[in-house]
Amino acid sequence: MTILKFSAILLLVCVVPRARLFSQTETAVESVLVRQADAWNRGDIRGYMEGYWKSDSLLFTSGGAVRRGWDSTLAKYLRSYRTRAEMGTLSFSGLEIRILSQEAAWVFGRWELVRAQDRPSGVFTLILRKFPGGWKIIHDHTSLEPASQMPAGAGQTQPK
């Protein structure tokens, strides 16, 4: 019986704190995307970009193009979304968050823009890294749904 009690205590000491840590970490990772969507929906592209690692090593892939660097990614957004109407309203759904380590996380999800003329949507995969200032996206691979699944004229730009 003593071995059973010891095993139960060991399980509680080792597993419960780890589960709590992962839960807190998942919440912290998800909050990066929540803040991004909030900034986007205010028309604040620079605020949206705060979710990304401000480094020349940021990797952003979308629409078959590969961009490296925070400045390049910001420039792409500023060129693609010149007006609030072009930005629309962004939402994320179906988030799957996997904590890879205390300093790395993987996120898969769906994005959708609601605009007056269309509703482009797609999927994304992110890798985030924990820095002293918090979690930042270091790698973003975003895809647009095939045009056959969207209204005519949709899919010209992608938010992620």
N, C-alpha and C. Protein backbone atom coordinates (compact mmCIF):
# COMPACT_ATOMS: atom_id res chain seq x y z
N MET A 1 0.81 -1.18 0.00
CA MET A 1 0.00 0.00 0.00
C MET A 1 0.86 1.26 0.00
N THR A 2 1.99 1.21 0.65
CA THR A 2 2.88 2.36 0.72
C THR A 2 3.39 2.73 -0.67
N ILE A 3 3.71 1.75 -1.48
CA ILE A 3 4.18 2.00 -2.84
C ILE A 3 3.07 2.66 -3.65
N LEU A 4 1.85 2.23 -3.48
CA LEU A 4 0.71 2.81 -4.19
C LEU A 4 0.51 4.28 -3.80
N LYS A 5 0.60 4.57 -2.50
CA LYS A 5 0.46 5.95 -2.04
C LYS A 5 1.59 6.81 -2.58
N PHE A 6 2.81 6.27 -2.52
CA PHE A 6 3.97 7.01 -3.03
C PHE A 6 3.80 7.30 -4.52
N SER A 7 3.34 6.32 -5.28
CA SER A 7 3.13 6.49 -6.72
C SER A 7 2.07 7.55 -7.00
N ALA A 8 1.01 7.55 -6.22
CA ALA A 8 -0.05 8.55 -6.40
C ALA A 8 0.47 9.95 -6.10
N ILE A 9 1.24 10.09 -5.04
CA ILE A 9 1.80 11.39 -4.69
C ILE A 9 2.77 11.85 -5.77
N LEU A 10 3.61 10.95 -6.24
CA LEU A 10 4.57 11.27 -7.29
C LEU A 10 3.84 11.73 -8.55
N LEU A 11 2.78 11.05 -8.89
CA LEU A 11 1.98 11.40 -10.06
C LEU A 11 1.42 12.82 -9.91
N LEU A 12 0.87 13.14 -8.76
CA LEU A 12 0.31 14.46 -8.52
C LEU A 12 1.37 15.54 -8.56
N VAL A 13 2.52 15.26 -7.97
CA VAL A 13 3.59 16.25 -7.91
C VAL A 13 4.17 16.52 -9.30
N CYS A 14 4.29 15.49 -10.12
CA CYS A 14 4.92 15.65 -11.44
C CYS A 14 3.95 16.03 -12.54
N VAL A 15 2.78 15.48 -12.57
CA VAL A 15 1.86 15.67 -13.69
C VAL A 15 1.00 16.90 -13.54
N VAL A 16 0.43 17.14 -12.38
CA VAL A 16 -0.48 18.27 -12.21
C VAL A 16 0.20 19.61 -12.48
N PRO A 17 1.39 19.88 -11.91
CA PRO A 17 2.03 21.16 -12.23
C PRO A 17 2.35 21.29 -13.72
N ARG A 18 2.75 20.20 -14.36
CA ARG A 18 3.06 20.25 -15.78
C ARG A 18 1.80 20.56 -16.58
N ALA A 19 0.69 19.95 -16.24
CA ALA A 19 -0.58 20.22 -16.92
C ALA A 19 -0.98 21.67 -16.72
N ARG A 20 -0.82 22.19 -15.51
CA ARG A 20 -1.15 23.59 -15.23
C ARG A 20 -0.25 24.51 -16.05
N LEU A 21 1.05 24.18 -16.11
CA LEU A 21 2.00 24.98 -16.89
C LEU A 21 1.59 24.99 -18.35
N PHE A 22 1.25 23.82 -18.92
CA PHE A 22 0.85 23.75 -20.31
C PHE A 22 -0.43 24.54 -20.53
N SER A 23 -1.37 24.48 -19.61
CA SER A 23 -2.61 25.23 -19.74
C SER A 23 -2.32 26.73 -19.76
N GLN A 24 -1.47 27.20 -18.84
CA GLN A 24 -1.11 28.61 -18.81
C GLN A 24 -0.35 29.01 -20.07
N THR A 25 0.51 28.13 -20.55
CA THR A 25 1.28 28.40 -21.75
C THR A 25 0.36 28.46 -22.96
N GLU A 26 -0.57 27.52 -23.07
CA GLU A 26 -1.53 27.55 -24.18
C GLU A 26 -2.32 28.84 -24.17
N THR A 27 -2.73 29.30 -23.00
CA THR A 27 -3.47 30.56 -22.88
C THR A 27 -2.60 31.73 -23.33
N ALA A 28 -1.34 31.73 -22.94
CA ALA A 28 -0.42 32.81 -23.34
C ALA A 28 -0.21 32.81 -24.85
N VAL A 29 -0.07 31.63 -25.43
CA VAL A 29 0.10 31.52 -26.88
C VAL A 29 -1.17 32.00 -27.60
N GLU A 30 -2.31 31.54 -27.14
CA GLU A 30 -3.57 31.95 -27.77
C GLU A 30 -3.77 33.45 -27.66
N SER A 31 -3.33 34.05 -26.58
CA SER A 31 -3.51 35.49 -26.40
C SER A 31 -2.76 36.30 -27.45
N VAL A 32 -1.68 35.74 -28.01
CA VAL A 32 -0.97 36.42 -29.10
C VAL A 32 -1.92 36.60 -30.28
N LEU A 33 -2.66 35.55 -30.62
CA LEU A 33 -3.59 35.62 -31.74
C LEU A 33 -4.80 36.50 -31.43
N VAL A 34 -5.25 36.47 -30.20
CA VAL A 34 -6.37 37.33 -29.80
C VAL A 34 -5.96 38.79 -29.95
N ARG A 35 -4.76 39.14 -29.49
CA ARG A 35 -4.29 40.53 -29.61
C ARG A 35 -4.10 40.91 -31.08
N GLN A 36 -3.63 39.96 -31.89
CA GLN A 36 -3.49 40.24 -33.32
C GLN A 36 -4.84 40.54 -33.96
N ALA A 37 -5.82 39.70 -33.70
CA ALA A 37 -7.15 39.92 -34.29
C ALA A 37 -7.73 41.25 -33.81
N ASP A 38 -7.57 41.56 -32.54
CA ASP A 38 -8.07 42.84 -32.01
C ASP A 38 -7.42 44.02 -32.73
N ALA A 39 -6.11 43.97 -32.90
CA ALA A 39 -5.40 45.06 -33.59
C ALA A 39 -5.86 45.16 -35.04
N TRP A 40 -5.94 44.02 -35.71
CA TRP A 40 -6.39 44.01 -37.11
C TRP A 40 -7.77 44.65 -37.24
N ASN A 41 -8.66 44.26 -36.36
CA ASN A 41 -10.04 44.74 -36.44
C ASN A 41 -10.19 46.20 -36.04
N ARG A 42 -9.15 46.79 -35.46
CA ARG A 42 -9.09 48.24 -35.21
C ARG A 42 -8.45 48.97 -36.39
N GLY A 43 -7.96 48.19 -37.38
CA GLY A 43 -7.26 48.80 -38.51
C GLY A 43 -5.81 49.10 -38.21
N ASP A 44 -5.24 48.44 -37.21
CA ASP A 44 -3.89 48.70 -36.73
C ASP A 44 -2.92 47.60 -37.18
N ILE A 45 -2.39 47.76 -38.39
CA ILE A 45 -1.48 46.74 -38.93
C ILE A 45 -0.21 46.65 -38.09
N ARG A 46 0.32 47.77 -37.66
CA ARG A 46 1.54 47.74 -36.83
C ARG A 46 1.28 47.02 -35.50
N GLY A 47 0.10 47.24 -34.93
CA GLY A 47 -0.27 46.52 -33.71
C GLY A 47 -0.40 45.02 -33.97
N TYR A 48 -0.97 44.66 -35.11
CA TYR A 48 -1.06 43.26 -35.52
C TYR A 48 0.33 42.64 -35.60
N MET A 49 1.27 43.39 -36.15
CA MET A 49 2.64 42.89 -36.33
C MET A 49 3.38 42.69 -35.01
N GLU A 50 2.86 43.23 -33.91
CA GLU A 50 3.50 43.02 -32.61
C GLU A 50 3.51 41.54 -32.22
N GLY A 51 2.65 40.74 -32.83
CA GLY A 51 2.64 39.30 -32.56
C GLY A 51 3.79 38.55 -33.19
N TYR A 52 4.48 39.22 -34.12
CA TYR A 52 5.60 38.59 -34.82
C TYR A 52 6.94 38.97 -34.19
N TRP A 53 7.90 38.08 -34.33
CA TRP A 53 9.27 38.31 -33.90
C TRP A 53 9.86 39.43 -34.75
N LYS A 54 10.30 40.48 -34.14
CA LYS A 54 10.87 41.61 -34.87
C LYS A 54 12.34 41.31 -35.17
N SER A 55 12.52 40.52 -36.23
CA SER A 55 13.85 40.02 -36.58
C SER A 55 13.92 39.78 -38.09
N ASP A 56 15.12 39.89 -38.62
CA ASP A 56 15.34 39.53 -40.02
C ASP A 56 15.17 38.03 -40.25
N SER A 57 15.12 37.26 -39.18
CA SER A 57 14.99 35.80 -39.29
C SER A 57 13.54 35.33 -39.26
N LEU A 58 12.57 36.23 -39.08
CA LEU A 58 11.16 35.84 -39.18
C LEU A 58 10.93 35.22 -40.55
N LEU A 59 10.22 34.09 -40.60
CA LEU A 59 9.91 33.42 -41.86
C LEU A 59 8.40 33.44 -42.06
N PHE A 60 7.97 34.01 -43.19
CA PHE A 60 6.55 34.17 -43.50
C PHE A 60 6.32 33.63 -44.90
N THR A 61 5.43 32.64 -45.02
CA THR A 61 5.13 32.03 -46.31
C THR A 61 3.64 32.12 -46.57
N SER A 62 3.29 32.67 -47.74
CA SER A 62 1.88 32.82 -48.09
C SER A 62 1.77 32.98 -49.60
N GLY A 63 0.77 32.33 -50.19
CA GLY A 63 0.54 32.49 -51.62
C GLY A 63 1.71 32.09 -52.48
N GLY A 64 2.52 31.14 -52.02
CA GLY A 64 3.66 30.68 -52.78
C GLY A 64 4.90 31.56 -52.63
N ALA A 65 4.77 32.67 -51.93
CA ALA A 65 5.91 33.58 -51.72
C ALA A 65 6.51 33.34 -50.34
N VAL A 66 7.82 33.44 -50.29
CA VAL A 66 8.53 33.32 -49.02
C VAL A 66 9.14 34.67 -48.70
N ARG A 67 8.83 35.16 -47.52
CA ARG A 67 9.38 36.43 -47.05
C ARG A 67 10.21 36.15 -45.81
N ARG A 68 11.30 36.84 -45.72
CA ARG A 68 12.13 36.74 -44.53
C ARG A 68 12.24 38.12 -43.92
N GLY A 69 11.98 38.17 -42.63
CA GLY A 69 12.15 39.43 -41.92
C GLY A 69 10.86 40.13 -41.57
N TRP A 70 10.88 40.77 -40.41
CA TRP A 70 9.73 41.51 -39.90
C TRP A 70 9.41 42.69 -40.81
N ASP A 71 10.43 43.44 -41.23
CA ASP A 71 10.21 44.62 -42.07
C ASP A 71 9.58 44.24 -43.41
N SER A 72 10.04 43.16 -44.01
CA SER A 72 9.47 42.69 -45.27
C SER A 72 8.02 42.27 -45.11
N THR A 73 7.71 41.62 -43.99
CA THR A 73 6.35 41.19 -43.72
C THR A 73 5.45 42.40 -43.49
N LEU A 74 5.91 43.37 -42.72
CA LEU A 74 5.14 44.59 -42.51
C LEU A 74 4.88 45.29 -43.84
N ALA A 75 5.89 45.41 -44.67
CA ALA A 75 5.73 46.07 -45.98
C ALA A 75 4.69 45.36 -46.83
N LYS A 76 4.66 44.04 -46.77
CA LYS A 76 3.66 43.27 -47.52
C LYS A 76 2.26 43.62 -47.05
N TYR A 77 2.06 43.67 -45.75
CA TYR A 77 0.74 44.02 -45.20
C TYR A 77 0.34 45.44 -45.57
N LEU A 78 1.26 46.38 -45.47
CA LEU A 78 0.93 47.77 -45.79
C LEU A 78 0.60 47.95 -47.27
N ARG A 79 1.25 47.19 -48.14
CA ARG A 79 0.92 47.23 -49.57
C ARG A 79 -0.42 46.57 -49.87
N SER A 80 -0.70 45.46 -49.19
CA SER A 80 -1.89 44.66 -49.49
C SER A 80 -3.17 45.23 -48.88
N TYR A 81 -3.05 45.95 -47.78
CA TYR A 81 -4.22 46.44 -47.05
C TYR A 81 -4.07 47.95 -46.82
N ARG A 82 -4.43 48.71 -47.84
CA ARG A 82 -4.26 50.17 -47.78
C ARG A 82 -5.43 50.88 -47.12
N THR A 83 -6.57 50.21 -47.07
CA THR A 83 -7.75 50.84 -46.47
C THR A 83 -8.36 49.90 -45.44
N ARG A 84 -9.14 50.47 -44.57
CA ARG A 84 -9.85 49.67 -43.56
C ARG A 84 -10.79 48.67 -44.22
N ALA A 85 -11.42 49.07 -45.34
CA ALA A 85 -12.33 48.17 -46.05
C ALA A 85 -11.59 46.95 -46.61
N GLU A 86 -10.37 47.14 -47.08
CA GLU A 86 -9.58 46.02 -47.58
C GLU A 86 -9.21 45.05 -46.46
N MET A 87 -9.07 45.58 -45.25
CA MET A 87 -8.71 44.74 -44.11
C MET A 87 -9.88 43.88 -43.64
N GLY A 88 -11.08 44.43 -43.69
CA GLY A 88 -12.23 43.68 -43.23
C GLY A 88 -12.14 43.36 -41.74
N THR A 89 -12.87 42.33 -41.35
CA THR A 89 -12.87 41.86 -39.96
C THR A 89 -12.26 40.47 -39.93
N LEU A 90 -11.21 40.31 -39.15
CA LEU A 90 -10.47 39.05 -39.07
C LEU A 90 -10.93 38.21 -37.89
N SER A 91 -11.07 36.92 -38.13
CA SER A 91 -11.32 36.00 -37.02
C SER A 91 -10.49 34.74 -37.22
N PHE A 92 -10.15 34.13 -36.10
CA PHE A 92 -9.44 32.86 -36.09
C PHE A 92 -10.37 31.83 -35.46
N SER A 93 -10.28 30.58 -35.92
CA SER A 93 -11.11 29.52 -35.35
C SER A 93 -10.37 28.19 -35.44
N GLY A 94 -10.92 27.20 -34.74
CA GLY A 94 -10.37 25.85 -34.80
C GLY A 94 -8.92 25.75 -34.36
N LEU A 95 -8.54 26.56 -33.40
CA LEU A 95 -7.13 26.58 -32.99
C LEU A 95 -6.73 25.27 -32.32
N GLU A 96 -5.60 24.74 -32.76
CA GLU A 96 -4.95 23.59 -32.13
C GLU A 96 -3.59 24.09 -31.68
N ILE A 97 -3.38 24.07 -30.39
CA ILE A 97 -2.13 24.57 -29.82
C ILE A 97 -1.38 23.40 -29.20
N ARG A 98 -0.14 23.22 -29.63
CA ARG A 98 0.70 22.16 -29.08
C ARG A 98 1.94 22.82 -28.48
N ILE A 99 2.16 22.57 -27.22
CA ILE A 99 3.35 23.09 -26.56
C ILE A 99 4.48 22.10 -26.83
N LEU A 100 5.51 22.56 -27.50
CA LEU A 100 6.63 21.69 -27.86
C LEU A 100 7.70 21.65 -26.78
N SER A 101 7.85 22.76 -26.07
CA SER A 101 8.80 22.86 -24.96
C SER A 101 8.41 24.09 -24.16
N GLN A 102 9.18 24.42 -23.15
CA GLN A 102 8.88 25.61 -22.36
C GLN A 102 9.05 26.88 -23.18
N GLU A 103 9.75 26.78 -24.31
CA GLU A 103 10.03 27.97 -25.12
C GLU A 103 9.55 27.87 -26.55
N ALA A 104 8.77 26.83 -26.90
CA ALA A 104 8.31 26.68 -28.28
C ALA A 104 6.89 26.12 -28.32
N ALA A 105 6.12 26.62 -29.28
CA ALA A 105 4.75 26.14 -29.46
C ALA A 105 4.42 26.11 -30.95
N TRP A 106 3.48 25.24 -31.28
CA TRP A 106 2.99 25.06 -32.65
C TRP A 106 1.49 25.34 -32.62
N VAL A 107 1.01 26.09 -33.60
CA VAL A 107 -0.42 26.41 -33.66
C VAL A 107 -0.92 26.15 -35.08
N PHE A 108 -2.06 25.48 -35.18
CA PHE A 108 -2.76 25.30 -36.45
C PHE A 108 -4.14 25.89 -36.27
N GLY A 109 -4.65 26.53 -37.30
CA GLY A 109 -6.00 27.08 -37.21
C GLY A 109 -6.51 27.56 -38.54
N ARG A 110 -7.69 28.15 -38.49
CA ARG A 110 -8.34 28.73 -39.66
C ARG A 110 -8.44 30.23 -39.47
N TRP A 111 -8.39 30.97 -40.57
CA TRP A 111 -8.60 32.41 -40.55
C TRP A 111 -9.71 32.75 -41.53
N GLU A 112 -10.37 33.85 -41.25
CA GLU A 112 -11.39 34.34 -42.17
C GLU A 112 -11.44 35.86 -42.09
N LEU A 113 -11.58 36.48 -43.25
CA LEU A 113 -11.80 37.91 -43.34
C LEU A 113 -13.23 38.12 -43.82
N VAL A 114 -13.97 38.99 -43.16
CA VAL A 114 -15.30 39.35 -43.63
C VAL A 114 -15.19 40.77 -44.15
N ARG A 115 -15.43 40.90 -45.47
CA ARG A 115 -15.39 42.21 -46.11
C ARG A 115 -16.70 42.41 -46.89
N ALA A 116 -16.97 43.62 -47.29
CA ALA A 116 -18.22 43.91 -48.00
C ALA A 116 -18.36 43.08 -49.27
N GLN A 117 -17.26 42.86 -49.98
CA GLN A 117 -17.33 42.20 -51.28
C GLN A 117 -17.00 40.70 -51.24
N ASP A 118 -16.43 40.20 -50.16
CA ASP A 118 -16.03 38.79 -50.14
C ASP A 118 -15.72 38.33 -48.72
N ARG A 119 -15.40 37.04 -48.63
CA ARG A 119 -15.05 36.43 -47.33
C ARG A 119 -13.90 35.44 -47.53
N PRO A 120 -12.71 35.93 -47.86
CA PRO A 120 -11.58 35.01 -48.02
C PRO A 120 -11.28 34.30 -46.70
N SER A 121 -10.82 33.06 -46.82
CA SER A 121 -10.50 32.27 -45.64
C SER A 121 -9.44 31.25 -45.99
N GLY A 122 -8.88 30.64 -44.96
CA GLY A 122 -7.87 29.62 -45.19
C GLY A 122 -7.37 29.05 -43.88
N VAL A 123 -6.21 28.42 -43.96
CA VAL A 123 -5.60 27.79 -42.80
C VAL A 123 -4.21 28.35 -42.60
N PHE A 124 -3.69 28.16 -41.39
CA PHE A 124 -2.33 28.61 -41.09
C PHE A 124 -1.68 27.66 -40.10
N THR A 125 -0.38 27.63 -40.16
CA THR A 125 0.44 26.93 -39.16
C THR A 125 1.49 27.92 -38.69
N LEU A 126 1.61 28.04 -37.37
CA LEU A 126 2.55 28.98 -36.78
C LEU A 126 3.51 28.23 -35.86
N ILE A 127 4.71 28.74 -35.76
CA ILE A 127 5.63 28.32 -34.71
C ILE A 127 5.92 29.57 -33.89
N LEU A 128 5.73 29.46 -32.60
CA LEU A 128 6.00 30.57 -31.69
C LEU A 128 7.14 30.21 -30.76
N ARG A 129 7.86 31.25 -30.37
CA ARG A 129 8.97 31.08 -29.44
C ARG A 129 8.78 32.05 -28.28
N LYS A 130 9.10 31.60 -27.10
CA LYS A 130 8.99 32.45 -25.92
C LYS A 130 10.28 33.24 -25.76
N PHE A 131 10.12 34.55 -25.74
CA PHE A 131 11.23 35.47 -25.53
C PHE A 131 11.04 36.13 -24.16
N PRO A 132 12.03 36.85 -23.67
CA PRO A 132 11.85 37.53 -22.38
C PRO A 132 10.61 38.44 -22.37
N GLY A 133 10.25 39.01 -23.52
CA GLY A 133 9.08 39.89 -23.60
C GLY A 133 7.78 39.17 -23.90
N GLY A 134 7.83 37.85 -24.00
CA GLY A 134 6.61 37.09 -24.27
C GLY A 134 6.72 36.24 -25.52
N TRP A 135 5.61 35.62 -25.89
CA TRP A 135 5.54 34.72 -27.05
C TRP A 135 5.45 35.53 -28.33
N LYS A 136 6.22 35.10 -29.35
CA LYS A 136 6.21 35.76 -30.66
C LYS A 136 6.19 34.69 -31.75
N ILE A 137 5.52 35.01 -32.85
CA ILE A 137 5.50 34.13 -34.02
C ILE A 137 6.84 34.26 -34.72
N ILE A 138 7.51 33.12 -34.93
CA ILE A 138 8.79 33.15 -35.64
C ILE A 138 8.67 32.54 -37.03
N HIS A 139 7.58 31.79 -37.26
CA HIS A 139 7.35 31.15 -38.56
C HIS A 139 5.84 31.12 -38.80
N ASP A 140 5.42 31.59 -39.96
CA ASP A 140 4.00 31.63 -40.32
C ASP A 140 3.85 31.10 -41.73
N HIS A 141 3.08 30.04 -41.87
CA HIS A 141 2.74 29.49 -43.20
C HIS A 141 1.22 29.55 -43.32
N THR A 142 0.75 30.44 -44.18
CA THR A 142 -0.68 30.68 -44.34
C THR A 142 -1.11 30.33 -45.74
N SER A 143 -2.26 29.66 -45.85
CA SER A 143 -2.81 29.27 -47.15
C SER A 143 -4.22 29.81 -47.29
N LEU A 144 -4.58 30.09 -48.53
CA LEU A 144 -5.90 30.56 -48.88
C LEU A 144 -6.72 29.38 -49.37
N GLU A 145 -8.01 29.33 -49.00
CA GLU A 145 -8.89 28.28 -49.51
C GLU A 145 -8.91 28.37 -51.03
N PRO A 146 -9.07 27.25 -51.72
CA PRO A 146 -9.16 27.30 -53.18
C PRO A 146 -10.29 28.23 -53.63
N ALA A 147 -10.04 28.93 -54.74
CA ALA A 147 -11.01 29.92 -55.24
C ALA A 147 -12.38 29.31 -55.48
N SER A 148 -12.45 28.02 -55.80
CA SER A 148 -13.74 27.39 -56.07
C SER A 148 -14.63 27.35 -54.83
N GLN A 149 -14.06 27.53 -53.65
CA GLN A 149 -14.82 27.49 -52.41
C GLN A 149 -15.16 28.87 -51.88
N MET A 150 -14.83 29.92 -52.67
CA MET A 150 -15.06 31.28 -52.21
C MET A 150 -15.86 32.04 -53.26
N PRO A 151 -16.48 33.16 -52.87
CA PRO A 151 -17.21 33.98 -53.82
C PRO A 151 -16.29 34.53 -54.90
N ALA A 152 -16.86 34.87 -56.05
CA ALA A 152 -16.09 35.44 -57.14
C ALA A 152 -15.36 36.69 -56.66
N GLY A 153 -14.11 36.83 -57.06
CA GLY A 153 -13.32 37.99 -56.69
C GLY A 153 -12.63 37.88 -55.36
N ALA A 154 -12.94 36.85 -54.59
CA ALA A 154 -12.33 36.69 -53.27
C ALA A 154 -10.95 36.10 -53.40
N GLY A 155 -10.18 36.23 -52.34
CA GLY A 155 -8.90 35.54 -52.27
C GLY A 155 -7.74 36.29 -52.89
N GLN A 156 -7.90 37.58 -53.10
CA GLN A 156 -6.81 38.33 -53.66
C GLN A 156 -5.70 38.59 -52.65
N THR A 157 -6.05 38.62 -51.39
CA THR A 157 -5.06 38.88 -50.34
C THR A 157 -5.31 37.96 -49.17
N GLN A 158 -4.30 37.79 -48.36
CA GLN A 158 -4.41 36.92 -47.18
C GLN A 158 -3.91 37.69 -45.97
N PRO A 159 -4.60 37.62 -44.84
CA PRO A 159 -4.18 38.39 -43.69
C PRO A 159 -2.98 37.84 -42.96
N LYS A 160 -2.78 36.55 -42.89
CA LYS A 160 -1.68 36.00 -42.10
C LYS A 160 -0.42 36.01 -42.91
